[in-house]
Amino acid sequence: MGYLTVLGRLCTQVLMVVEKVYQEMNILKCSFGFNDVTLSCHFTLAPEDLGGIDIEWSTKPADIQKEETVVIWYAGDHRIYNDFDHRFQSRVQFVSPDPESGNGSITINDLKLTDSDTFQCKVKKLPGISSIIIRLDVMERPTKPVCNPEVVVEMGQTVVLSCIGSQGSPPMWYTWSKESREKMLPGDLFLTITGEDVLGPYVCNAENLVGSETCTATLILKSAVSNVAVSAAVTVIVLLMIITISAIVFFCRKRKNVENFGSEIRVDELPPHKWLLKKRQQAVSSVYVQKELSNCENVFNNVHIENLSKGERQDGHPGEKQQKEV
């Protein structure tokens, strides 16, 4: 039987170990969250191989005393069985529609952390059996590390740059580099501020076997920060003064326009609005009512005086009556 080869898409090939003459092992480090991963198993039949072909994928337990668990099995004549391991139900299939042609590779969809395991591909055809073992480690990529974006320093000061908080599967490595240089320094970065060439942006790279993420910290000299703060304060004060003066000028002009408008008589002035007419009618009605009340009061007083005069005529002159009584 021919030689078996292994390829892993979207994974990192780390190690290959020859166990036996017809068996080899390949370790793959893969990041979960990809759509799929392919475990390749290619073979070439020899002229002396006879009978039907049988291709079996299984997982090998760490304990050699335990039995292997079949993942998917091609039994010849296009008969495929893939319902043995509940972890991979509906997520594993052969890449080729005809595995007998020499491609016994399988694809696992929707890769998960729990898919980490040791897989074995066996190709059986009389008079021999060949197999290959693949160790699949599903890992978590690093998350974006956290850096202090701006570090204010003084000349002669020693600072320590560090990036923390990155999550991901171990092992994890942290390295620092200046943006204008290629040199990478592992771990925390210790710097002594001896000149302006030390200032500027530094990049922290968090990396494991399946990915990497970066963050940037920038060293700024304290005097430069003070100058920027003073410039910003002056700019704000000037803007406030401009806004205040503009507001004063605006209100003064508005008040002057109102006074001029009140003293002017315009011939072509538009007729008053409806609410002004209504208010004027209410004022006229109020004056009319007051005038009517005054007229009624005068009439009442006149009537009262006439009644008093009639009473005096009937009783005689009040002066004469008093004289008689005396």
Protein backbone atom coordinates (compact mmCIF):
# COMPACT_ATOMS: atom_id res chain seq x y z
CA MET A 1 0.00 0.00 0.00
CA GLY A 2 1.17 3.50 -0.75
CA TYR A 3 2.27 6.31 1.56
CA LEU A 4 -0.24 8.29 3.64
CA THR A 5 -0.06 12.10 3.86
CA VAL A 6 -1.77 14.57 6.18
CA LEU A 7 -2.78 18.18 5.61
CA GLY A 8 -4.69 20.51 7.96
CA ARG A 9 -6.42 23.59 6.55
CA LEU A 10 -6.66 26.65 8.85
CA CYS A 11 -4.33 24.92 11.33
CA THR A 12 -0.66 25.01 12.30
CA GLN A 13 1.36 21.89 11.63
CA VAL A 14 3.63 21.47 14.66
CA LEU A 15 5.17 18.01 14.78
CA MET A 16 5.46 14.80 12.80
CA VAL A 17 6.62 11.55 14.42
CA VAL A 18 7.12 8.21 12.62
CA GLU A 19 5.79 5.45 14.90
CA LYS A 20 6.02 2.42 12.63
CA VAL A 21 6.86 1.61 9.06
CA TYR A 22 3.27 2.18 7.93
CA GLN A 23 2.22 4.75 10.55
CA GLU A 24 3.03 8.38 11.22
CA MET A 25 1.64 11.05 13.57
CA ASN A 26 0.91 14.68 12.86
CA ILE A 27 -0.04 17.26 15.54
CA LEU A 28 -2.31 20.10 14.46
CA LYS A 29 -3.03 23.24 16.48
CA CYS A 30 -6.30 24.80 15.32
CA SER A 31 -8.36 27.79 16.41
CA PHE A 32 -12.02 27.18 17.12
CA GLY A 33 -14.57 29.37 15.42
CA PHE A 34 -13.47 28.55 11.87
CA ASN A 35 -16.10 27.06 9.60
CA ASP A 36 -14.30 23.76 9.21
CA VAL A 37 -11.03 21.85 9.46
CA THR A 38 -9.87 19.15 7.09
CA LEU A 39 -7.99 16.05 8.26
CA SER A 40 -6.42 14.63 5.13
CA CYS A 41 -5.75 10.98 4.45
CA HIS A 42 -4.50 10.22 0.93
CA PHE A 43 -3.41 6.81 -0.30
CA THR A 44 -2.27 5.00 -3.42
CA LEU A 45 -3.18 1.37 -4.05
CA ALA A 46 -0.51 -1.11 -5.08
CA PRO A 47 -1.03 -3.72 -7.84
CA GLU A 48 -0.93 -6.55 -5.30
CA ASP A 49 -3.81 -5.09 -3.22
CA LEU A 50 -6.93 -7.25 -3.61
CA GLY A 51 -10.57 -7.25 -2.51
CA GLY A 52 -12.79 -4.45 -1.28
CA ILE A 53 -11.53 -1.29 0.41
CA ASP A 54 -12.46 -0.15 3.91
CA ILE A 55 -11.72 3.39 5.26
CA GLU A 56 -12.28 4.07 8.93
CA TRP A 57 -11.79 7.23 11.01
CA SER A 58 -11.77 6.84 14.79
CA THR A 59 -10.59 8.60 17.97
CA LYS A 60 -7.91 6.97 20.09
CA PRO A 61 -8.24 7.34 23.89
CA ALA A 62 -5.21 8.27 25.99
CA ASP A 63 -5.60 5.01 27.84
CA ILE A 64 -4.55 2.25 25.43
CA GLN A 65 -6.70 -0.24 27.33
CA LYS A 66 -9.87 1.57 26.25
CA GLU A 67 -11.49 0.94 22.90
CA GLU A 68 -11.38 3.35 19.99
CA THR A 69 -14.56 5.24 19.03
CA VAL A 70 -15.50 5.21 15.36
CA VAL A 71 -16.24 8.68 13.92
CA ILE A 72 -17.06 7.86 10.28
CA TRP A 73 -16.69 4.68 8.20
CA TYR A 74 -16.64 3.99 4.47
CA ALA A 75 -17.56 0.35 3.89
CA GLY A 76 -17.22 0.28 0.10
CA ASP A 77 -19.85 0.59 -2.62
CA HIS A 78 -20.60 4.16 -1.41
CA ARG A 79 -21.83 2.98 1.99
CA ILE A 80 -21.00 5.62 4.64
CA TYR A 81 -21.82 5.49 8.35
CA ASN A 82 -21.22 8.57 10.59
CA ASP A 83 -23.52 8.26 13.59
CA PHE A 84 -21.13 6.56 16.03
CA ASP A 85 -19.79 9.53 18.07
CA HIS A 86 -22.47 12.00 19.25
CA ARG A 87 -19.90 14.84 19.38
CA PHE A 88 -19.58 14.89 15.59
CA GLN A 89 -23.11 14.06 14.48
CA SER A 90 -24.03 16.04 11.35
CA ARG A 91 -20.62 17.79 11.46
CA VAL A 92 -18.29 15.26 9.82
CA GLN A 93 -18.18 13.95 6.24
CA PHE A 94 -15.76 12.67 3.62
CA VAL A 95 -14.26 15.33 1.38
CA SER A 96 -14.47 13.19 -1.77
CA PRO A 97 -17.77 11.71 -2.96
CA ASP A 98 -15.73 8.62 -3.91
CA PRO A 99 -13.17 7.89 -1.13
CA GLU A 100 -12.00 4.74 -3.00
CA SER A 101 -10.27 7.00 -5.54
CA GLY A 102 -7.46 7.65 -3.06
CA ASN A 103 -8.79 10.52 -0.97
CA GLY A 104 -10.08 9.40 2.42
CA SER A 105 -9.91 12.90 3.96
CA ILE A 106 -12.70 14.14 6.24
CA THR A 107 -13.96 17.59 7.16
CA ILE A 108 -15.24 18.61 10.59
CA ASN A 109 -17.60 21.60 10.43
CA ASP A 110 -18.15 24.23 13.10
CA LEU A 111 -14.98 23.42 15.02
CA LYS A 112 -15.35 23.44 18.83
CA LEU A 113 -12.97 23.29 21.78
CA THR A 114 -14.40 19.88 22.71
CA ASP A 115 -13.27 18.50 19.34
CA SER A 116 -9.69 18.20 20.61
CA ASP A 117 -8.70 14.56 20.29
CA THR A 118 -6.38 12.03 18.63
CA PHE A 119 -7.77 10.83 15.29
CA GLN A 120 -6.71 7.78 13.32
CA CYS A 121 -7.33 7.05 9.64
CA LYS A 122 -7.16 3.36 8.68
CA VAL A 123 -7.20 2.14 5.10
CA LYS A 124 -7.80 -1.61 4.83
CA LYS A 125 -7.34 -3.61 1.64
CA LEU A 126 -5.95 -7.10 1.51
CA PRO A 127 -3.29 -8.11 2.16
CA GLY A 128 -2.39 -5.05 4.33
CA ILE A 129 -3.55 -2.19 6.53
CA SER A 130 -2.06 1.32 6.64
CA SER A 131 -2.94 4.06 9.14
CA ILE A 132 -2.05 7.57 10.11
CA ILE A 133 -2.59 9.35 13.43
CA ILE A 134 -3.45 13.04 13.75
CA ARG A 135 -3.52 14.88 17.07
CA LEU A 136 -6.00 17.74 16.80
CA ASP A 137 -5.74 20.46 19.45
CA VAL A 138 -8.48 23.07 19.19
CA MET A 139 -7.28 26.28 20.83
CA GLU A 140 -8.58 29.79 21.58
CA ARG A 141 -6.90 32.69 19.81
CA PRO A 142 -5.53 35.54 21.96
CA THR A 143 -7.86 38.44 22.63
CA LYS A 144 -6.64 42.02 22.22
CA PRO A 145 -4.26 42.86 25.09
CA VAL A 146 -4.60 46.04 27.17
CA CYS A 147 -1.89 48.73 27.05
CA ASN A 148 -1.68 52.19 28.55
CA PRO A 149 -2.18 54.23 25.34
CA GLU A 150 -0.16 57.27 26.54
CA VAL A 151 2.66 57.21 29.08
CA VAL A 152 3.93 60.63 30.22
CA VAL A 153 7.63 60.49 31.15
CA GLU A 154 10.48 62.80 32.19
CA MET A 155 14.11 62.81 31.17
CA GLY A 156 16.14 60.30 33.20
CA GLN A 157 13.05 58.39 34.33
CA THR A 158 12.83 54.59 34.09
CA VAL A 159 9.48 53.18 32.99
CA VAL A 160 8.08 49.67 32.61
CA LEU A 161 5.75 48.86 29.72
CA SER A 162 3.50 45.81 30.06
CA CYS A 163 0.42 44.48 28.33
CA ILE A 164 -2.06 42.35 30.24
CA GLY A 165 -5.54 40.87 30.05
CA SER A 166 -5.13 38.84 26.88
CA GLN A 167 -7.15 35.62 26.96
CA GLY A 168 -6.30 32.56 24.92
CA SER A 169 -5.06 29.03 25.11
CA PRO A 170 -1.55 28.56 26.52
CA PRO A 171 1.28 28.76 25.84
CA MET A 172 1.16 32.55 25.41
CA TRP A 173 4.10 34.81 24.53
CA TYR A 174 4.36 38.60 24.93
CA THR A 175 6.92 40.66 22.98
CA TRP A 176 7.58 44.42 22.64
CA SER A 177 8.99 46.31 19.68
CA LYS A 178 9.34 49.94 18.65
CA GLU A 179 7.39 50.74 15.50
CA SER A 180 10.47 51.98 13.68
CA ARG A 181 12.58 48.94 14.64
CA GLU A 182 12.33 45.22 13.98
CA LYS A 183 13.90 44.03 17.24
CA MET A 184 11.46 42.11 19.48
CA LEU A 185 11.96 41.97 23.25
CA PRO A 186 10.08 39.35 25.33
CA GLY A 187 8.08 40.08 28.49
CA ASP A 188 7.82 43.49 30.17
CA LEU A 189 9.86 46.29 28.60
CA PHE A 190 12.15 48.40 30.86
CA LEU A 191 13.16 51.77 29.39
CA THR A 192 15.29 54.66 30.65
CA ILE A 193 14.41 58.00 29.06
CA THR A 194 17.82 59.28 27.91
CA GLY A 195 16.71 61.21 24.83
CA GLU A 196 13.92 61.90 22.37
CA ASP A 197 14.87 58.83 20.34
CA VAL A 198 13.41 56.68 23.15
CA LEU A 199 10.04 58.41 22.87
CA GLY A 200 7.27 57.31 20.52
CA PRO A 201 4.98 54.32 19.97
CA TYR A 202 5.77 50.79 21.19
CA VAL A 203 3.80 47.72 20.08
CA CYS A 204 3.01 44.76 22.34
CA ASN A 205 2.30 41.47 20.55
CA ALA A 206 0.38 38.71 22.37
CA GLU A 207 0.75 35.41 20.53
CA ASN A 208 0.04 31.70 20.90
CA LEU A 209 0.17 28.78 18.45
CA VAL A 210 -2.98 29.78 16.55
CA GLY A 211 -2.97 33.58 16.41
CA SER A 212 -1.83 36.94 17.72
CA GLU A 213 -3.16 40.38 18.74
CA THR A 214 -1.43 43.71 19.42
CA CYS A 215 -1.83 46.97 21.34
CA THR A 216 0.20 50.20 21.26
CA ALA A 217 1.65 52.39 24.04
CA THR A 218 3.13 55.81 23.25
CA LEU A 219 5.79 57.54 25.37
CA ILE A 220 5.30 61.34 25.59
CA LEU A 221 7.65 63.83 27.24
CA LYS A 222 6.05 65.76 30.10
CA SER A 223 7.09 69.23 28.80
CA ALA A 224 5.42 68.50 25.47
CA VAL A 225 2.22 67.57 27.28
CA SER A 226 2.36 70.82 29.29
CA ASN A 227 2.79 72.90 26.14
CA VAL A 228 -0.18 71.18 24.53
CA ALA A 229 -2.31 71.79 27.64
CA VAL A 230 -1.39 75.51 27.73
CA SER A 231 -2.14 75.90 24.03
CA ALA A 232 -5.49 74.20 24.47
CA ALA A 233 -6.37 76.41 27.45
CA VAL A 234 -5.47 79.60 25.55
CA THR A 235 -7.54 78.49 22.58
CA VAL A 236 -10.58 77.81 24.78
CA ILE A 237 -10.28 81.21 26.53
CA VAL A 238 -10.04 83.07 23.21
CA LEU A 239 -13.08 81.24 21.86
CA LEU A 240 -15.09 82.09 25.00
CA MET A 241 -14.14 85.76 24.69
CA ILE A 242 -15.19 85.86 21.04
CA ILE A 243 -18.53 84.22 21.86
CA THR A 244 -19.17 86.66 24.76
CA ILE A 245 -18.37 89.77 22.70
CA SER A 246 -20.50 88.55 19.82
CA ALA A 247 -23.44 87.94 22.17
CA ILE A 248 -23.16 91.46 23.68
CA VAL A 249 -23.04 93.10 20.25
CA PHE A 250 -26.02 91.06 19.07
CA PHE A 251 -28.25 91.99 22.03
CA CYS A 252 -27.27 95.69 21.83
CA ARG A 253 -28.23 95.85 18.17
CA LYS A 254 -31.47 94.04 18.82
CA ARG A 255 -32.45 96.45 21.61
CA LYS A 256 -31.65 99.47 19.40
CA ASN A 257 -33.79 98.08 16.60
CA VAL A 258 -36.72 97.58 18.98
CA GLU A 259 -36.51 101.19 20.25
CA ASN A 260 -36.36 102.61 16.72
CA PHE A 261 -39.29 100.50 15.66
CA GLY A 262 -41.42 101.84 18.55
CA SER A 263 -40.84 105.52 17.67
CA GLU A 264 -41.38 105.21 13.92
CA ILE A 265 -44.69 105.72 12.07
CA ARG A 266 -44.79 103.65 8.93
CA VAL A 267 -47.24 104.47 6.14
CA ASP A 268 -46.91 101.13 4.45
CA GLU A 269 -47.26 99.17 7.68
CA LEU A 270 -49.16 95.94 7.35
CA PRO A 271 -52.54 95.62 9.09
CA PRO A 272 -52.38 94.22 12.62
CA HIS A 273 -52.75 90.56 13.21
CA LYS A 274 -56.06 89.02 14.17
CA TRP A 275 -55.07 88.69 17.79
CA LEU A 276 -54.35 92.45 17.94
CA LEU A 277 -57.82 93.21 16.49
CA LYS A 278 -59.42 90.89 18.98
CA LYS A 279 -57.58 92.52 21.87
CA ARG A 280 -58.64 95.99 20.63
CA GLN A 281 -62.29 94.91 20.38
CA GLN A 282 -62.13 93.62 23.92
CA ALA A 283 -60.75 96.98 25.09
CA VAL A 284 -63.51 98.92 23.23
CA SER A 285 -66.17 96.63 24.68
CA SER A 286 -64.81 97.23 28.16
CA VAL A 287 -64.97 101.03 27.72
CA TYR A 288 -68.51 100.77 26.36
CA VAL A 289 -69.66 98.70 29.33
CA GLN A 290 -68.15 101.19 31.78
CA LYS A 291 -69.89 104.06 29.96
CA GLU A 292 -73.27 102.31 30.12
CA LEU A 293 -72.86 101.63 33.82
CA SER A 294 -72.11 105.32 34.41
CA ASN A 295 -75.26 106.36 32.49
CA CYS A 296 -77.36 103.94 34.51
CA GLU A 297 -75.95 105.33 37.73
CA ASN A 298 -76.81 108.94 36.68
CA VAL A 299 -80.36 107.95 35.82
CA PHE A 300 -80.77 106.25 39.17
CA ASN A 301 -79.55 109.34 41.02
CA ASN A 302 -81.92 111.62 39.11
CA VAL A 303 -84.88 109.41 39.94
CA HIS A 304 -83.95 109.39 43.59
CA ILE A 305 -83.71 113.20 43.71
CA GLU A 306 -87.12 113.58 42.07
CA ASN A 307 -88.68 111.30 44.68
CA LEU A 308 -87.18 113.33 47.48
CA SER A 309 -88.54 116.55 45.96
CA LYS A 310 -92.05 115.17 45.79
CA GLY A 311 -91.90 114.16 49.45
CA GLU A 312 -90.91 117.67 50.51
CA ARG A 313 -93.77 119.20 48.64
CA GLN A 314 -96.24 117.05 50.44
CA ASP A 315 -94.85 117.72 53.91
CA GLY A 316 -94.08 121.40 53.46
CA HIS A 317 -90.91 123.25 53.76
CA PRO A 318 -88.72 121.67 56.40
CA GLY A 319 -87.62 125.03 57.72
CA GLU A 320 -91.15 126.24 58.42
CA LYS A 321 -92.05 123.04 60.25
CA GLN A 322 -89.16 123.50 62.58
CA GLN A 323 -90.16 127.09 63.30
CA LYS A 324 -93.69 126.05 64.15
CA GLU A 325 -92.46 123.44 66.54
CA VAL A 326 -90.43 126.04 68.33
